[in-house]
């Protein structure tokens, strides 16, 4: 029996998931800037 252990690594991210992550980061940055500038409409709350 070998004395080393095999580690199962997750497969590398697909191109589609990386694209979605990039879009998500851009939208989050835009939302943070919008909130910081006070451009968010208030809905009577």
Protein backbone atom coordinates (compact mmCIF):
# COMPACT_ATOMS: atom_id res chain seq x y z
CA UNK A 1 0.00 0.00 0.00
CA UNK A 2 1.47 3.40 -0.94
CA UNK A 3 2.20 5.86 1.83
CA UNK A 4 0.97 8.87 -0.18
CA UNK A 5 -2.62 10.00 -0.32
CA UNK A 6 -4.36 11.04 -3.50
CA UNK A 7 -6.34 14.26 -3.34
CA UNK A 8 -9.33 14.63 -5.61
CA UNK A 9 -9.28 18.14 -7.06
CA UNK A 10 -12.36 19.83 -8.41
CA UNK A 11 -12.33 20.25 -12.19
CA UNK A 12 -11.24 23.64 -13.42
CA UNK A 13 -13.99 26.18 -13.88
CA UNK A 14 -15.67 26.17 -17.22
CA UNK A 15 -15.54 29.20 -19.45
CA UNK A 16 -19.25 29.82 -18.91
CA UNK A 17 -18.95 29.90 -15.12
CA UNK A 18 -16.00 32.29 -15.34
CA UNK A 19 -18.03 34.54 -17.64
CA UNK A 20 -20.94 34.56 -15.20
CA UNK A 21 -18.60 35.34 -12.30
CA UNK A 22 -17.14 38.29 -14.22
CA UNK A 23 -20.59 39.65 -15.07
CA UNK A 24 -21.62 39.23 -11.43
CA UNK A 25 -18.58 41.19 -10.25
CA UNK A 26 -19.30 44.01 -12.72
CA UNK A 27 -22.96 44.24 -11.68
CA UNK A 28 -22.02 44.26 -8.00
CA UNK A 29 -19.49 47.05 -8.56
CA UNK A 30 -22.11 49.06 -10.47
CA UNK A 31 -24.68 48.55 -7.69
CA UNK A 32 -22.19 49.65 -5.04
CA UNK A 33 -21.37 52.83 -7.00
CA UNK A 34 -25.07 53.56 -7.50
CA UNK A 35 -25.80 53.18 -3.79
CA UNK A 36 -22.76 55.29 -2.88
CA UNK A 37 -23.94 58.09 -5.22
CA UNK A 38 -27.46 57.99 -3.76
CA UNK A 39 -29.10 57.18 -7.09
CA UNK A 40 -31.22 54.35 -5.72
CA UNK A 41 -34.96 55.13 -5.92
CA UNK A 42 -36.90 54.82 -2.69
CA UNK A 43 -40.15 52.90 -2.77
CA UNK A 44 -41.89 54.49 0.19
CA UNK A 45 -39.93 52.65 2.86
